[in-house]
């Protein structure tokens, strides 16, 4: 009996993974729309703390305002990024030619044999391919923009009826309270994480943008946006966000020092924000095991690419909150948590 249950669980898990892989084009935009919905709810909740707004302006108007602000910003950023990407694409041959200059400069300054290996690697895997792949990931993301907007709009339209539907499904008051507690905890955890992480990533991207302008790197807004996006990826995101502009600076100028300056300045910004500002804002609100974060990062990155890596922590937090509310899965929630303490439901 126990072996049969384990087999069924493994089959269900395998089926779910297959659905995530082959349904990527439909599920991924919906998950992103869900995140935007959480952000709009956070904007609405903040505005409702103002007494006049709470009393005079209905939530429908606030939803429209939040929706318009978020997607107006995204539209503006997309347009500016398109111009930046065109600029970078036009200069790709120059950057490719500067690879030889950079490797020779490194070899001259450090006189180490490993440079020949690095040069051989760069010869096989051209920088143009690397940058083109990065462009493709961003293009695919904005290519789903229309579907994301539609999903977000319908989530906002459906929101007023959620509580009525839940009440109709669960006749018993005890069951209804339990389900409402689960949704409330998910809303609180995910909403807080997304809003704080977005603010922290915006701060990091803005400071990096100012630094990159002073260094003189081409298309600084593109790299600032990349830094903003990469900061959603735990652990390795900040490292990638620091290394990419530094590598690009060396290839743009054909010299070492611009890359060193970019590495030092952007790295310092990541260090200060990540080690001082981030912990003060988020505190211990996300009780997720670092090992689980890395495993989730690898898993979602493998099936959904860079978007999966960005979404890995929100999905993990949602899983912990849901699992913690039911006796049969509470043990899984404890294993996924950082210190074993979870908010228990009323079961």
C-alpha atoms as a PDB file:
ATOM      1  CA  UNK A   1       0.000   0.000   0.000  1.00  0.00           C
ATOM      2  CA  UNK A   2       2.789   2.404   0.971  1.00  0.00           C
ATOM      3  CA  UNK A   3       4.844   1.415  -2.103  1.00  0.00           C
ATOM      4  CA  UNK A   4       1.805   2.034  -4.301  1.00  0.00           C
ATOM      5  CA  UNK A   5       1.345   5.527  -2.805  1.00  0.00           C
ATOM      6  CA  UNK A   6       5.012   6.374  -3.435  1.00  0.00           C
ATOM      7  CA  UNK A   7       4.725   5.123  -7.035  1.00  0.00           C
ATOM      8  CA  UNK A   8       1.595   7.207  -7.622  1.00  0.00           C
ATOM      9  CA  UNK A   9       3.281  10.279  -6.122  1.00  0.00           C
ATOM     10  CA  UNK A  10       6.321   9.839  -8.391  1.00  0.00           C
ATOM     11  CA  UNK A  11       4.093   9.415 -11.449  1.00  0.00           C
ATOM     12  CA  UNK A  12       2.130  12.557 -10.556  1.00  0.00           C
ATOM     13  CA  UNK A  13       5.362  14.515 -10.002  1.00  0.00           C
ATOM     14  CA  UNK A  14       6.723  13.291 -13.348  1.00  0.00           C
ATOM     15  CA  UNK A  15       3.472  14.280 -15.095  1.00  0.00           C
ATOM     16  CA  UNK A  16       3.558  17.745 -13.500  1.00  0.00           C
ATOM     17  CA  UNK A  17       7.150  18.298 -14.660  1.00  0.00           C
ATOM     18  CA  UNK A  18       6.192  17.258 -18.211  1.00  0.00           C
ATOM     19  CA  UNK A  19       3.267  19.705 -18.129  1.00  0.00           C
ATOM     20  CA  UNK A  20       5.612  22.502 -17.024  1.00  0.00           C
ATOM     21  CA  UNK A  21       8.071  21.655 -19.807  1.00  0.00           C
ATOM     22  CA  UNK A  22       5.663  21.210 -22.727  1.00  0.00           C
ATOM     23  CA  UNK A  23       3.170  23.810 -21.509  1.00  0.00           C
ATOM     24  CA  UNK A  24       5.890  26.416 -20.996  1.00  0.00           C
ATOM     25  CA  UNK A  25       4.534  28.841 -23.602  1.00  0.00           C
ATOM     26  CA  UNK A  26       1.177  29.031 -21.811  1.00  0.00           C
ATOM     27  CA  UNK A  27       2.097  28.511 -18.148  1.00  0.00           C
ATOM     28  CA  UNK A  28       5.133  30.828 -17.995  1.00  0.00           C
ATOM     29  CA  UNK A  29       3.242  33.995 -19.107  1.00  0.00           C
ATOM     30  CA  UNK A  30       0.489  33.136 -16.619  1.00  0.00           C
ATOM     31  CA  UNK A  31       2.977  32.870 -13.728  1.00  0.00           C
ATOM     32  CA  UNK A  32       4.499  36.221 -14.733  1.00  0.00           C
ATOM     33  CA  UNK A  33       0.982  37.711 -14.909  1.00  0.00           C
ATOM     34  CA  UNK A  34       0.335  36.301 -11.431  1.00  0.00           C
ATOM     35  CA  UNK A  35       3.412  38.159 -10.173  1.00  0.00           C
ATOM     36  CA  UNK A  36       2.191  41.401 -11.763  1.00  0.00           C
ATOM     37  CA  UNK A  37      -1.186  40.825 -10.104  1.00  0.00           C
ATOM     38  CA  UNK A  38       0.549  40.504  -6.723  1.00  0.00           C
ATOM     39  CA  UNK A  39       2.468  43.741  -7.406  1.00  0.00           C
ATOM     40  CA  UNK A  40      -0.733  45.579  -8.358  1.00  0.00           C
ATOM     41  CA  UNK A  41      -2.352  44.321  -5.151  1.00  0.00           C
ATOM     42  CA  UNK A  42       0.636  45.616  -3.177  1.00  0.00           C
ATOM     43  CA  UNK A  43       0.326  49.042  -4.842  1.00  0.00           C
ATOM     44  CA  UNK A  44      -3.397  49.045  -4.034  1.00  0.00           C
ATOM     45  CA  UNK A  45      -2.818  48.049  -0.402  1.00  0.00           C
ATOM     46  CA  UNK A  46      -0.223  50.805   0.048  1.00  0.00           C
ATOM     47  CA  UNK A  47      -2.568  53.414  -1.454  1.00  0.00           C
ATOM     48  CA  UNK A  48      -5.442  52.191   0.730  1.00  0.00           C
ATOM     49  CA  UNK A  49      -3.422  53.072   3.828  1.00  0.00           C
ATOM     50  CA  UNK A  50      -4.167  56.709   2.963  1.00  0.00           C
ATOM     51  CA  UNK A  51      -7.507  57.441   4.633  1.00  0.00           C
ATOM     52  CA  UNK A  52      -8.909  59.614   1.830  1.00  0.00           C
ATOM     53  CA  UNK A  53      -8.094  57.020  -0.856  1.00  0.00           C
ATOM     54  CA  UNK A  54      -9.472  54.141   1.215  1.00  0.00           C
ATOM     55  CA  UNK A  55     -12.775  55.935   1.778  1.00  0.00           C
ATOM     56  CA  UNK A  56     -13.316  57.720  -1.544  1.00  0.00           C
ATOM     57  CA  UNK A  57     -11.644  55.675  -4.310  1.00  0.00           C
ATOM     58  CA  UNK A  58     -12.904  52.141  -5.113  1.00  0.00           C
ATOM     59  CA  UNK A  59     -10.487  49.241  -5.592  1.00  0.00           C
ATOM     60  CA  UNK A  60     -11.445  48.990  -9.271  1.00  0.00           C
ATOM     61  CA  UNK A  61      -9.973  52.438  -9.950  1.00  0.00           C
ATOM     62  CA  UNK A  62      -6.852  51.576  -7.955  1.00  0.00           C
ATOM     63  CA  UNK A  63      -6.469  48.340  -9.942  1.00  0.00           C
ATOM     64  CA  UNK A  64      -6.707  50.262 -13.203  1.00  0.00           C
ATOM     65  CA  UNK A  65      -4.150  52.777 -11.913  1.00  0.00           C
ATOM     66  CA  UNK A  66      -1.716  50.065 -10.795  1.00  0.00           C
ATOM     67  CA  UNK A  67      -2.198  48.152 -14.051  1.00  0.00           C
ATOM     68  CA  UNK A  68      -1.598  51.266 -16.154  1.00  0.00           C
ATOM     69  CA  UNK A  69       1.505  52.334 -14.192  1.00  0.00           C
ATOM     70  CA  UNK A  70       3.193  48.913 -14.324  1.00  0.00           C
ATOM     71  CA  UNK A  71       2.592  48.274 -18.007  1.00  0.00           C
ATOM     72  CA  UNK A  72       3.373  51.869 -19.020  1.00  0.00           C
ATOM     73  CA  UNK A  73       6.756  51.472 -17.322  1.00  0.00           C
ATOM     74  CA  UNK A  74       7.303  48.089 -18.999  1.00  0.00           C
ATOM     75  CA  UNK A  75       6.340  49.531 -22.398  1.00  0.00           C
ATOM     76  CA  UNK A  76       8.722  52.472 -21.991  1.00  0.00           C
ATOM     77  CA  UNK A  77      11.567  50.234 -20.848  1.00  0.00           C
ATOM     78  CA  UNK A  78      10.939  47.813 -23.743  1.00  0.00           C
ATOM     79  CA  UNK A  79      11.129  50.637 -26.281  1.00  0.00           C
ATOM     80  CA  UNK A  80      14.365  52.040 -24.839  1.00  0.00           C
ATOM     81  CA  UNK A  81      15.877  48.556 -24.569  1.00  0.00           C
ATOM     82  CA  UNK A  82      15.075  47.875 -28.227  1.00  0.00           C
ATOM     83  CA  UNK A  83      17.124  50.940 -29.207  1.00  0.00           C
ATOM     84  CA  UNK A  84      19.965  49.864 -26.911  1.00  0.00           C
ATOM     85  CA  UNK A  85      19.992  46.334 -28.352  1.00  0.00           C
ATOM     86  CA  UNK A  86      20.111  47.738 -31.892  1.00  0.00           C
ATOM     87  CA  UNK A  87      23.092  49.867 -30.890  1.00  0.00           C
ATOM     88  CA  UNK A  88      24.905  46.874 -29.388  1.00  0.00           C
ATOM     89  CA  UNK A  89      24.094  44.654 -32.380  1.00  0.00           C
ATOM     90  CA  UNK A  90      25.576  47.218 -34.771  1.00  0.00           C
ATOM     91  CA  UNK A  91      28.829  47.246 -32.781  1.00  0.00           C
ATOM     92  CA  UNK A  92      29.189  43.459 -32.420  1.00  0.00           C
ATOM     93  CA  UNK A  93      32.015  43.149 -35.023  1.00  0.00           C
ATOM     94  CA  UNK A  94      34.058  45.751 -33.078  1.00  0.00           C
ATOM     95  CA  UNK A  95      33.558  43.877 -29.816  1.00  0.00           C
ATOM     96  CA  UNK A  96      34.529  40.599 -31.486  1.00  0.00           C
ATOM     97  CA  UNK A  97      37.770  42.115 -32.815  1.00  0.00           C
ATOM     98  CA  UNK A  98      38.675  43.452 -29.382  1.00  0.00           C
ATOM     99  CA  UNK A  99      38.755  39.938 -27.907  1.00  0.00           C
ATOM    100  CA  UNK A 100      42.299  39.495 -29.231  1.00  0.00           C
ATOM    101  CA  UNK A 101      43.411  42.838 -27.752  1.00  0.00           C
ATOM    102  CA  UNK A 102      41.983  41.966 -24.351  1.00  0.00           C
ATOM    103  CA  UNK A 103      43.519  38.504 -24.192  1.00  0.00           C
ATOM    104  CA  UNK A 104      46.908  39.891 -25.265  1.00  0.00           C
ATOM    105  CA  UNK A 105      46.696  42.604 -22.599  1.00  0.00           C
ATOM    106  CA  UNK A 106      45.883  40.035 -19.920  1.00  0.00           C
ATOM    107  CA  UNK A 107      48.741  37.804 -21.101  1.00  0.00           C
ATOM    108  CA  UNK A 108      51.181  40.725 -21.047  1.00  0.00           C
ATOM    109  CA  UNK A 109      50.160  41.934 -17.579  1.00  0.00           C
ATOM    110  CA  UNK A 110      49.845  38.581 -15.831  1.00  0.00           C
ATOM    111  CA  UNK A 111      52.044  36.317 -17.981  1.00  0.00           C
ATOM    112  CA  UNK A 112      50.049  33.144 -17.282  1.00  0.00           C
ATOM    113  CA  UNK A 113      49.578  30.192 -19.624  1.00  0.00           C
ATOM    114  CA  UNK A 114      45.856  29.901 -18.891  1.00  0.00           C
ATOM    115  CA  UNK A 115      45.208  32.882 -21.180  1.00  0.00           C
ATOM    116  CA  UNK A 116      45.845  30.712 -24.234  1.00  0.00           C
ATOM    117  CA  UNK A 117      43.111  28.363 -23.055  1.00  0.00           C
ATOM    118  CA  UNK A 118      40.754  31.276 -22.492  1.00  0.00           C
ATOM    119  CA  UNK A 119      41.517  32.620 -25.937  1.00  0.00           C
ATOM    120  CA  UNK A 120      40.930  29.201 -27.490  1.00  0.00           C
ATOM    121  CA  UNK A 121      37.594  28.962 -25.668  1.00  0.00           C
ATOM    122  CA  UNK A 122      36.516  32.407 -26.853  1.00  0.00           C
ATOM    123  CA  UNK A 123      37.492  31.421 -30.373  1.00  0.00           C
ATOM    124  CA  UNK A 124      35.184  28.418 -30.295  1.00  0.00           C
ATOM    125  CA  UNK A 125      32.352  30.185 -28.512  1.00  0.00           C
ATOM    126  CA  UNK A 126      32.248  33.684 -29.940  1.00  0.00           C
ATOM    127  CA  UNK A 127      31.174  36.618 -27.849  1.00  0.00           C
ATOM    128  CA  UNK A 128      28.625  37.480 -30.535  1.00  0.00           C
ATOM    129  CA  UNK A 129      26.861  34.167 -29.876  1.00  0.00           C
ATOM    130  CA  UNK A 130      26.799  34.881 -26.139  1.00  0.00           C
ATOM    131  CA  UNK A 131      25.360  38.357 -26.587  1.00  0.00           C
ATOM    132  CA  UNK A 132      22.904  37.162 -29.240  1.00  0.00           C
ATOM    133  CA  UNK A 133      21.626  34.504 -26.848  1.00  0.00           C
ATOM    134  CA  UNK A 134      21.105  37.181 -24.203  1.00  0.00           C
ATOM    135  CA  UNK A 135      19.195  39.333 -26.680  1.00  0.00           C
ATOM    136  CA  UNK A 136      17.009  36.353 -27.631  1.00  0.00           C
ATOM    137  CA  UNK A 137      16.045  35.688 -23.989  1.00  0.00           C
ATOM    138  CA  UNK A 138      14.915  39.298 -23.526  1.00  0.00           C
ATOM    139  CA  UNK A 139      13.124  39.323 -26.897  1.00  0.00           C
ATOM    140  CA  UNK A 140      11.194  36.154 -25.976  1.00  0.00           C
ATOM    141  CA  UNK A 141      10.222  37.734 -22.660  1.00  0.00           C
ATOM    142  CA  UNK A 142       8.796  40.858 -24.301  1.00  0.00           C
ATOM    143  CA  UNK A 143       7.275  38.711 -27.072  1.00  0.00           C
ATOM    144  CA  UNK A 144       4.874  37.269 -24.481  1.00  0.00           C
ATOM    145  CA  UNK A 145       3.885  40.752 -23.327  1.00  0.00           C
ATOM    146  CA  UNK A 146       0.429  40.701 -24.950  1.00  0.00           C
ATOM    147  CA  UNK A 147      -0.458  37.341 -23.372  1.00  0.00           C
ATOM    148  CA  UNK A 148       0.844  38.526 -19.988  1.00  0.00           C
ATOM    149  CA  UNK A 149      -1.295  41.683 -20.207  1.00  0.00           C
ATOM    150  CA  UNK A 150      -4.408  39.627 -21.040  1.00  0.00           C
ATOM    151  CA  UNK A 151      -3.769  37.208 -18.148  1.00  0.00           C
ATOM    152  CA  UNK A 152      -3.191  40.083 -15.707  1.00  0.00           C
ATOM    153  CA  UNK A 153      -6.315  41.893 -16.843  1.00  0.00           C
ATOM    154  CA  UNK A 154      -8.497  38.817 -16.380  1.00  0.00           C
ATOM    155  CA  UNK A 155      -6.974  38.099 -12.953  1.00  0.00           C
ATOM    156  CA  UNK A 156      -7.978  41.619 -11.889  1.00  0.00           C
ATOM    157  CA  UNK A 157     -11.475  41.148 -13.327  1.00  0.00           C
ATOM    158  CA  UNK A 158     -11.862  37.790 -11.555  1.00  0.00           C
ATOM    159  CA  UNK A 159     -10.498  38.973  -8.193  1.00  0.00           C
ATOM    160  CA  UNK A 160     -13.789  40.394  -6.800  1.00  0.00           C
ATOM    161  CA  UNK A 161     -15.444  36.989  -7.320  1.00  0.00           C
ATOM    162  CA  UNK A 162     -12.702  34.842  -5.709  1.00  0.00           C
ATOM    163  CA  UNK A 163     -14.143  35.029  -2.198  1.00  0.00           C
ATOM    164  CA  UNK A 164     -17.665  34.217  -3.459  1.00  0.00           C
ATOM    165  CA  UNK A 165     -16.411  31.160  -5.338  1.00  0.00           C
ATOM    166  CA  UNK A 166     -14.424  29.918  -2.345  1.00  0.00           C
ATOM    167  CA  UNK A 167     -17.461  30.402  -0.093  1.00  0.00           C
ATOM    168  CA  UNK A 168     -19.594  28.409  -2.545  1.00  0.00           C
ATOM    169  CA  UNK A 169     -17.055  25.569  -2.674  1.00  0.00           C
ATOM    170  CA  UNK A 170     -16.555  25.245   1.098  1.00  0.00           C
ATOM    171  CA  UNK A 171     -19.875  25.081   2.931  1.00  0.00           C
ATOM    172  CA  UNK A 172     -18.374  24.456   6.373  1.00  0.00           C
ATOM    173  CA  UNK A 173     -17.168  27.571   8.150  1.00  0.00           C
ATOM    174  CA  UNK A 174     -14.132  25.750   9.547  1.00  0.00           C
ATOM    175  CA  UNK A 175     -12.992  24.638   6.072  1.00  0.00           C
ATOM    176  CA  UNK A 176     -13.660  28.116   4.659  1.00  0.00           C
ATOM    177  CA  UNK A 177     -11.554  29.787   7.358  1.00  0.00           C
ATOM    178  CA  UNK A 178      -8.755  27.304   6.748  1.00  0.00           C
ATOM    179  CA  UNK A 179      -8.661  27.966   2.999  1.00  0.00           C
ATOM    180  CA  UNK A 180      -8.857  31.736   3.533  1.00  0.00           C
ATOM    181  CA  UNK A 181      -5.897  31.466   5.910  1.00  0.00           C
ATOM    182  CA  UNK A 182      -3.861  29.661   3.222  1.00  0.00           C
ATOM    183  CA  UNK A 183      -4.646  32.323   0.597  1.00  0.00           C
ATOM    184  CA  UNK A 184      -3.957  35.131   3.076  1.00  0.00           C
ATOM    185  CA  UNK A 185      -0.553  33.685   3.961  1.00  0.00           C
ATOM    186  CA  UNK A 186       0.373  33.183   0.301  1.00  0.00           C
ATOM    187  CA  UNK A 187      -0.725  36.736  -0.497  1.00  0.00           C
ATOM    188  CA  UNK A 188       1.291  38.175   2.401  1.00  0.00           C
ATOM    189  CA  UNK A 189       4.488  36.167   1.766  1.00  0.00           C
ATOM    190  CA  UNK A 190       4.621  36.474  -2.025  1.00  0.00           C
ATOM    191  CA  UNK A 191       3.439  40.085  -2.081  1.00  0.00           C
ATOM    192  CA  UNK A 192       6.020  41.186   0.487  1.00  0.00           C
ATOM    193  CA  UNK A 193       8.834  39.319  -1.245  1.00  0.00           C
ATOM    194  CA  UNK A 194       8.011  40.670  -4.708  1.00  0.00           C
ATOM    195  CA  UNK A 195       7.541  44.286  -3.626  1.00  0.00           C
ATOM    196  CA  UNK A 196      10.728  44.407  -1.532  1.00  0.00           C
ATOM    197  CA  UNK A 197      12.788  42.511  -4.093  1.00  0.00           C
ATOM    198  CA  UNK A 198      11.576  44.831  -6.841  1.00  0.00           C
ATOM    199  CA  UNK A 199      12.546  47.920  -4.818  1.00  0.00           C
ATOM    200  CA  UNK A 200      15.978  46.468  -4.011  1.00  0.00           C
ATOM    201  CA  UNK A 201      16.574  45.446  -7.641  1.00  0.00           C
ATOM    202  CA  UNK A 202      15.486  48.906  -8.845  1.00  0.00           C
ATOM    203  CA  UNK A 203      17.922  50.554  -6.446  1.00  0.00           C
ATOM    204  CA  UNK A 204      20.766  48.279  -7.570  1.00  0.00           C
ATOM    205  CA  UNK A 205      19.964  48.833 -11.257  1.00  0.00           C
ATOM    206  CA  UNK A 206      19.709  52.620 -10.859  1.00  0.00           C
ATOM    207  CA  UNK A 207      23.027  52.942  -8.975  1.00  0.00           C
ATOM    208  CA  UNK A 208      24.711  50.663 -11.522  1.00  0.00           C
ATOM    209  CA  UNK A 209      23.266  52.752 -14.371  1.00  0.00           C
ATOM    210  CA  UNK A 210      24.849  55.913 -12.931  1.00  0.00           C
ATOM    211  CA  UNK A 211      28.177  54.098 -12.476  1.00  0.00           C
ATOM    212  CA  UNK A 212      28.164  52.679 -16.021  1.00  0.00           C
ATOM    213  CA  UNK A 213      27.452  56.135 -17.493  1.00  0.00           C
ATOM    214  CA  UNK A 214      30.555  57.523 -15.748  1.00  0.00           C
ATOM    215  CA  UNK A 215      32.647  54.587 -16.990  1.00  0.00           C
ATOM    216  CA  UNK A 216      31.377  55.244 -20.538  1.00  0.00           C
ATOM    217  CA  UNK A 217      29.947  51.814 -21.391  1.00  0.00           C
ATOM    218  CA  UNK A 218      27.712  51.604 -24.464  1.00  0.00           C
ATOM    219  CA  UNK A 219      23.963  51.133 -23.846  1.00  0.00           C
ATOM    220  CA  UNK A 220      24.152  51.561 -20.052  1.00  0.00           C
ATOM    221  CA  UNK A 221      20.372  51.210 -19.696  1.00  0.00           C
ATOM    222  CA  UNK A 222      20.515  47.722 -21.199  1.00  0.00           C
ATOM    223  CA  UNK A 223      23.116  46.597 -18.652  1.00  0.00           C
ATOM    224  CA  UNK A 224      21.267  48.323 -15.812  1.00  0.00           C
ATOM    225  CA  UNK A 225      18.097  46.468 -16.805  1.00  0.00           C
ATOM    226  CA  UNK A 226      20.061  43.214 -16.948  1.00  0.00           C
ATOM    227  CA  UNK A 227      21.407  43.916 -13.441  1.00  0.00           C
ATOM    228  CA  UNK A 228      17.849  44.676 -12.237  1.00  0.00           C
ATOM    229  CA  UNK A 229      16.581  41.414 -13.751  1.00  0.00           C
ATOM    230  CA  UNK A 230      19.478  39.265 -12.520  1.00  0.00           C
ATOM    231  CA  UNK A 231      18.981  40.443  -8.937  1.00  0.00           C
ATOM    232  CA  UNK A 232      15.774  38.406  -8.815  1.00  0.00           C
ATOM    233  CA  UNK A 233      17.925  35.288  -9.229  1.00  0.00           C
ATOM    234  CA  UNK A 234      19.242  34.281  -5.788  1.00  0.00           C
ATOM    235  CA  UNK A 235      22.949  33.725  -5.106  1.00  0.00           C
ATOM    236  CA  UNK A 236      24.320  33.594  -8.669  1.00  0.00           C
ATOM    237  CA  UNK A 237      22.250  36.452 -10.096  1.00  0.00           C
ATOM    238  CA  UNK A 238      24.304  39.247  -8.540  1.00  0.00           C
ATOM    239  CA  UNK A 239      27.530  37.546  -9.681  1.00  0.00           C
ATOM    240  CA  UNK A 240      26.305  37.324 -13.286  1.00  0.00           C
ATOM    241  CA  UNK A 241      25.044  40.908 -13.116  1.00  0.00           C
ATOM    242  CA  UNK A 242      28.528  42.063 -12.082  1.00  0.00           C
ATOM    243  CA  UNK A 243      30.613  39.992 -14.488  1.00  0.00           C
ATOM    244  CA  UNK A 244      28.671  40.688 -17.703  1.00  0.00           C
ATOM    245  CA  UNK A 245      29.128  44.509 -17.766  1.00  0.00           C
ATOM    246  CA  UNK A 246      32.794  44.081 -16.759  1.00  0.00           C
ATOM    247  CA  UNK A 247      33.442  41.655 -19.636  1.00  0.00           C
ATOM    248  CA  UNK A 248      31.614  43.930 -22.027  1.00  0.00           C
ATOM    249  CA  UNK A 249      33.604  46.996 -20.926  1.00  0.00           C
ATOM    250  CA  UNK A 250      36.871  45.217 -21.745  1.00  0.00           C
ATOM    251  CA  UNK A 251      35.571  44.166 -25.161  1.00  0.00           C
ATOM    252  CA  UNK A 252      34.192  47.626 -25.930  1.00  0.00           C
ATOM    253  CA  UNK A 253      37.410  49.504 -25.138  1.00  0.00           C
ATOM    254  CA  UNK A 254      39.869  46.700 -25.923  1.00  0.00           C
ATOM    255  CA  UNK A 255      41.573  47.464 -22.579  1.00  0.00           C
ATOM    256  CA  UNK A 256      41.605  45.945 -19.103  1.00  0.00           C
ATOM    257  CA  UNK A 257      41.016  48.981 -16.889  1.00  0.00           C
ATOM    258  CA  UNK A 258      37.427  49.837 -17.952  1.00  0.00           C
ATOM    259  CA  UNK A 259      36.467  46.247 -17.167  1.00  0.00           C
ATOM    260  CA  UNK A 260      38.252  46.391 -13.817  1.00  0.00           C
ATOM    261  CA  UNK A 261      36.457  49.631 -12.928  1.00  0.00           C
ATOM    262  CA  UNK A 262      33.090  48.159 -13.911  1.00  0.00           C
ATOM    263  CA  UNK A 263      33.808  45.028 -11.870  1.00  0.00           C
ATOM    264  CA  UNK A 264      34.875  46.998  -8.801  1.00  0.00           C
ATOM    265  CA  UNK A 265      32.131  49.652  -8.871  1.00  0.00           C
ATOM    266  CA  UNK A 266      29.190  47.390  -9.796  1.00  0.00           C
ATOM    267  CA  UNK A 267      30.522  44.706  -7.437  1.00  0.00           C
ATOM    268  CA  UNK A 268      30.689  47.264  -4.599  1.00  0.00           C
ATOM    269  CA  UNK A 269      27.092  48.315  -5.282  1.00  0.00           C
ATOM    270  CA  UNK A 270      25.970  44.659  -5.203  1.00  0.00           C
ATOM    271  CA  UNK A 271      27.931  44.101  -1.983  1.00  0.00           C
ATOM    272  CA  UNK A 272      26.483  47.106  -0.139  1.00  0.00           C
ATOM    273  CA  UNK A 273      22.893  46.562  -1.283  1.00  0.00           C
ATOM    274  CA  UNK A 274      23.011  42.776  -0.841  1.00  0.00           C
ATOM    275  CA  UNK A 275      24.678  42.723   2.575  1.00  0.00           C
ATOM    276  CA  UNK A 276      23.319  45.847   4.268  1.00  0.00           C
ATOM    277  CA  UNK A 277      20.153  47.204   2.636  1.00  0.00           C
ATOM    278  CA  UNK A 278      18.531  43.913   1.550  1.00  0.00           C
ATOM    279  CA  UNK A 279      18.702  42.195   4.996  1.00  0.00           C
ATOM    280  CA  UNK A 280      17.376  45.317   6.761  1.00  0.00           C
ATOM    281  CA  UNK A 281      14.344  45.489   4.460  1.00  0.00           C
ATOM    282  CA  UNK A 282      13.481  41.810   4.063  1.00  0.00           C
ATOM    283  CA  UNK A 283      14.652  40.618   7.494  1.00  0.00           C
ATOM    284  CA  UNK A 284      13.729  36.963   8.005  1.00  0.00           C
ATOM    285  CA  UNK A 285      10.458  37.145   6.103  1.00  0.00           C
ATOM    286  CA  UNK A 286      11.575  34.436   3.699  1.00  0.00           C
ATOM    287  CA  UNK A 287      12.305  31.333   5.717  1.00  0.00           C
ATOM    288  CA  UNK A 288      13.690  29.263   2.821  1.00  0.00           C
ATOM    289  CA  UNK A 289      16.685  26.920   3.050  1.00  0.00           C
ATOM    290  CA  UNK A 290      19.676  28.167   0.973  1.00  0.00           C
ATOM    291  CA  UNK A 291      20.166  24.604  -0.306  1.00  0.00           C
ATOM    292  CA  UNK A 292      16.534  24.492  -1.439  1.00  0.00           C
ATOM    293  CA  UNK A 293      17.024  27.862  -3.161  1.00  0.00           C
ATOM    294  CA  UNK A 294      19.984  26.477  -5.140  1.00  0.00           C
ATOM    295  CA  UNK A 295      18.150  23.264  -6.042  1.00  0.00           C
ATOM    296  CA  UNK A 296      15.073  25.255  -7.069  1.00  0.00           C
ATOM    297  CA  UNK A 297      17.287  27.578  -9.089  1.00  0.00           C
ATOM    298  CA  UNK A 298      18.796  24.630 -10.975  1.00  0.00           C
ATOM    299  CA  UNK A 299      15.457  22.876 -11.483  1.00  0.00           C
ATOM    300  CA  UNK A 300      13.434  25.845 -12.738  1.00  0.00           C
ATOM    301  CA  UNK A 301      16.403  27.091 -14.756  1.00  0.00           C
ATOM    302  CA  UNK A 302      16.617  23.697 -16.479  1.00  0.00           C
ATOM    303  CA  UNK A 303      12.958  23.630 -17.541  1.00  0.00           C
ATOM    304  CA  UNK A 304      12.199  27.356 -18.039  1.00  0.00           C
ATOM    305  CA  UNK A 305      15.600  28.979 -18.584  1.00  0.00           C
ATOM    306  CA  UNK A 306      16.425  32.410 -17.176  1.00  0.00           C
ATOM    307  CA  UNK A 307      12.749  33.211 -16.458  1.00  0.00           C
ATOM    308  CA  UNK A 308      12.510  30.028 -14.411  1.00  0.00           C
ATOM    309  CA  UNK A 309      15.523  31.094 -12.361  1.00  0.00           C
ATOM    310  CA  UNK A 310      13.897  34.455 -11.649  1.00  0.00           C
ATOM    311  CA  UNK A 311      10.634  32.782 -10.635  1.00  0.00           C
ATOM    312  CA  UNK A 312      12.265  30.020  -8.552  1.00  0.00           C
ATOM    313  CA  UNK A 313      12.079  31.767  -5.143  1.00  0.00           C
ATOM    314  CA  UNK A 314       8.443  32.984  -5.434  1.00  0.00           C
ATOM    315  CA  UNK A 315       7.390  29.480  -6.481  1.00  0.00           C
ATOM    316  CA  UNK A 316       9.332  27.912  -3.581  1.00  0.00           C
ATOM    317  CA  UNK A 317       7.803  30.326  -1.051  1.00  0.00           C
ATOM    318  CA  UNK A 318       4.333  29.522  -2.377  1.00  0.00           C
ATOM    319  CA  UNK A 319       5.027  25.791  -2.052  1.00  0.00           C
ATOM    320  CA  UNK A 320       6.181  26.176   1.578  1.00  0.00           C
ATOM    321  CA  UNK A 321       3.109  28.207   2.529  1.00  0.00           C
ATOM    322  CA  UNK A 322       0.695  25.760   0.882  1.00  0.00           C
ATOM    323  CA  UNK A 323       2.435  22.620   2.201  1.00  0.00           C
ATOM    324  CA  UNK A 324       2.565  24.028   5.741  1.00  0.00           C
ATOM    325  CA  UNK A 325      -1.229  24.267   5.866  1.00  0.00           C
ATOM    326  CA  UNK A 326      -1.929  20.544   5.480  1.00  0.00           C
ATOM    327  CA  UNK A 327      -0.850  17.724   7.847  1.00  0.00           C
ATOM    328  CA  UNK A 328       0.060  15.344   5.010  1.00  0.00           C
ATOM    329  CA  UNK A 329       2.542  17.804   3.445  1.00  0.00           C
ATOM    330  CA  UNK A 330       3.683  19.783   6.500  1.00  0.00           C
ATOM    331  CA  UNK A 331       6.852  17.667   6.749  1.00  0.00           C
ATOM    332  CA  UNK A 332       7.835  18.762   3.225  1.00  0.00           C
ATOM    333  CA  UNK A 333       7.338  22.411   4.205  1.00  0.00           C
ATOM    334  CA  UNK A 334       9.616  21.923   7.223  1.00  0.00           C
ATOM    335  CA  UNK A 335      12.330  20.376   5.012  1.00  0.00           C
ATOM    336  CA  UNK A 336      12.082  23.276   2.558  1.00  0.00           C
ATOM    337  CA  UNK A 337      12.300  25.906   5.317  1.00  0.00           C
ATOM    338  CA  UNK A 338      15.552  27.359   6.606  1.00  0.00           C
ATOM    339  CA  UNK A 339      15.250  26.640  10.344  1.00  0.00           C
ATOM    340  CA  UNK A 340      12.284  24.237  10.498  1.00  0.00           C
ATOM    341  CA  UNK A 341       9.818  26.821  11.811  1.00  0.00           C
ATOM    342  CA  UNK A 342       6.676  27.304   9.753  1.00  0.00           C
ATOM    343  CA  UNK A 343       3.354  29.017  10.259  1.00  0.00           C
ATOM    344  CA  UNK A 344       0.955  26.172  10.952  1.00  0.00           C
ATOM    345  CA  UNK A 345      -2.611  26.145   9.868  1.00  0.00           C
ATOM    346  CA  UNK A 346      -5.640  25.127  11.863  1.00  0.00           C
ATOM    347  CA  UNK A 347      -5.593  21.443  11.028  1.00  0.00           C
END
